[in-house]
Each structure stands twice: as C-alpha cells, then as structure tokens.
Protein backbone atom coordinates (compact mmCIF):
# COMPACT_ATOMS: atom_id res chain seq x y z
CA ALA A 1 102.30 117.62 110.59
CA VAL A 2 100.58 118.99 107.20
CA PRO A 3 103.30 118.70 104.36
CA PRO A 4 103.81 121.64 102.29
CA ALA A 5 100.87 122.80 99.95
CA GLN A 6 101.11 121.49 96.42
CA GLY A 7 99.76 123.67 93.11
CA SER A 8 96.42 123.99 92.49
CA PRO A 9 93.85 121.12 91.80
CA ALA A 10 91.98 123.62 89.38
CA ILE A 11 94.54 122.71 86.81
CA ASP A 12 93.25 119.39 86.44
CA ARG A 13 89.94 119.04 84.25
CA ARG A 14 88.30 116.60 86.89
CA TYR A 15 88.02 119.65 89.59
CA TRP A 16 87.09 122.69 86.98
CA LYS A 17 83.82 122.48 88.42
CA VAL A 18 84.72 122.64 92.54
CA ASP A 19 85.13 125.08 94.43
CA PRO A 20 88.68 125.69 95.15
CA GLY A 21 88.29 126.39 98.52
CA LEU A 22 87.09 122.62 98.97
CA LEU A 23 90.10 121.33 97.51
CA PRO A 24 93.35 120.26 100.09
CA ARG A 25 96.31 120.87 98.82
CA ALA A 26 98.00 119.29 101.21
CA GLU A 27 97.25 116.30 104.15
CA SER A 28 98.48 115.29 106.80
CA LEU A 29 98.83 111.34 107.61
CA HIS A 30 96.30 112.10 110.75
CA GLN A 31 93.82 114.20 108.38
CA THR A 32 94.33 111.27 105.61
CA GLN A 33 93.23 108.50 108.35
CA LEU A 34 90.26 110.83 109.64
CA ARG A 35 88.93 110.94 106.14
CA LEU A 36 89.91 107.20 105.42
CA LEU A 37 88.34 105.40 108.22
CA PRO A 38 84.70 106.13 108.01
CA TYR A 39 84.58 104.56 104.46
CA TYR A 40 87.02 101.90 105.72
CA GLU A 41 84.40 101.15 108.43
CA ASP A 42 81.03 101.43 106.30
CA GLU A 43 82.56 99.74 102.96
CA VAL A 44 85.57 97.28 103.89
CA ALA A 45 85.37 96.25 107.29
CA SER A 46 81.39 95.47 106.88
CA ARG A 47 81.98 93.45 103.93
CA LEU A 48 85.01 91.45 106.29
CA ARG A 49 82.49 90.77 108.85
CA ALA A 50 80.19 89.31 106.22
CA GLY A 51 83.05 86.89 105.35
CA LYS A 52 83.83 89.00 101.70
CA ASP A 53 87.66 89.14 100.69
CA GLN A 54 88.60 92.58 100.46
CA LEU A 55 91.67 93.78 97.84
CA ILE A 56 92.04 97.76 98.26
CA VAL A 57 94.90 99.82 96.06
CA ALA A 58 95.26 103.12 97.07
CA HIS A 59 98.45 105.74 97.05
CA GLY A 60 100.98 105.12 99.74
CA SER A 61 99.64 107.77 101.96
CA SER A 62 96.50 106.19 102.38
CA LEU A 63 98.02 102.76 102.90
CA ARG A 64 100.19 103.93 105.49
CA ALA A 65 96.95 106.05 107.27
CA LEU A 66 95.10 102.23 107.34
CA ILE A 67 97.91 100.43 107.93
CA LYS A 68 98.80 102.36 111.04
CA TYR A 69 94.88 101.77 111.89
CA LEU A 70 95.02 97.79 111.27
CA GLU A 71 98.22 97.34 113.01
CA LYS A 72 97.68 99.98 115.47
CA ILE A 73 100.93 101.19 114.70
CA ASN A 74 101.85 104.74 117.11
CA ASN A 75 102.49 108.10 116.12
CA VAL A 76 106.42 107.68 116.25
CA ASP A 77 106.65 103.90 114.56
CA ILE A 78 104.47 104.58 111.38
CA LEU A 79 107.08 107.48 110.70
CA LYS A 80 109.35 104.05 109.67
CA LEU A 81 107.06 102.28 108.36
CA GLU A 82 107.87 101.89 104.36
CA VAL A 83 104.68 100.91 101.87
CA PRO A 84 105.98 98.58 99.05
CA ASN A 85 105.45 98.97 95.56
CA ALA A 86 103.98 96.74 93.67
CA GLN A 87 103.37 93.98 96.22
CA ALA A 88 100.49 92.80 97.73
CA ILE A 89 100.05 93.35 101.55
CA VAL A 90 97.77 90.29 102.67
CA TYR A 91 95.90 90.29 105.98
CA ASP A 92 94.39 87.54 107.74
CA PHE A 93 91.30 88.68 110.54
CA ASP A 94 89.59 86.82 112.82
CA GLN A 95 85.94 87.65 113.42
CA ASP A 96 86.72 90.56 115.14
CA LEU A 97 89.08 92.10 112.61
CA ASN A 98 91.78 91.35 114.52
CA ILE A 99 94.71 90.03 112.40
CA VAL A 100 95.92 87.05 112.62
CA ASP A 101 98.38 86.75 110.18
CA LYS A 102 100.22 89.29 107.41
CA MET A 103 102.14 87.98 104.24
CA ILE A 104 104.07 90.25 101.79
CA THR A 105 104.17 88.62 98.28
CA ASN A 106 106.82 89.29 95.93
C-alpha cells in the first residue's frame, strides 16, 4: 500500500524547476523496489560480478527494498524487517550473487 502523501516537494529548492506533477509525494515499498532494481542490476550487480566491493548508503525504505530482493523476503515477512541505523550490513556473495554470508556490524 502507498503511504499517505507528504507535503509538496516543490518547497524544496532542488525541485523548483521540475514539474510538480512528476514528483511523487508517496511511494510504496513495491514502487521503491521497481525504481531501485534497474539501478542495482546496471550499476551495483555488474560491479559485484566484476569482483568489486560496493558500499550502499541509503534511506531505510530503499534499503528494505534492496534487502527484500537480495534475501528473497516475501511480502508478509518484509513487514517485520527493521533496518538498523548506523550499522553496516555486510553481504558476501558467490559468483551468481547468491548470499553466502551476512553480518551486521556494531
């Protein structure tokens, strides 16, 4: 479900030149995942496959959407997932980008 819409993004000067109709005021986790996954596949996954470590720093909703995808979490269980603030989640992947280890740092 899409959460309640927030105030107008047009009040932020970064968006003054953008048509307000193009700026979302709310986004569901599913919508976030649809927006995030093309970037993940094109930029992050391609670098991981090339053997390059990646650091991702993002908003909690974006991280939840990525974790849902990486860990293959279903729509019911994702509701229980809490992403810790200021703690790194470190994944080790095999060559097919399946998770082989996960560690949360303190």
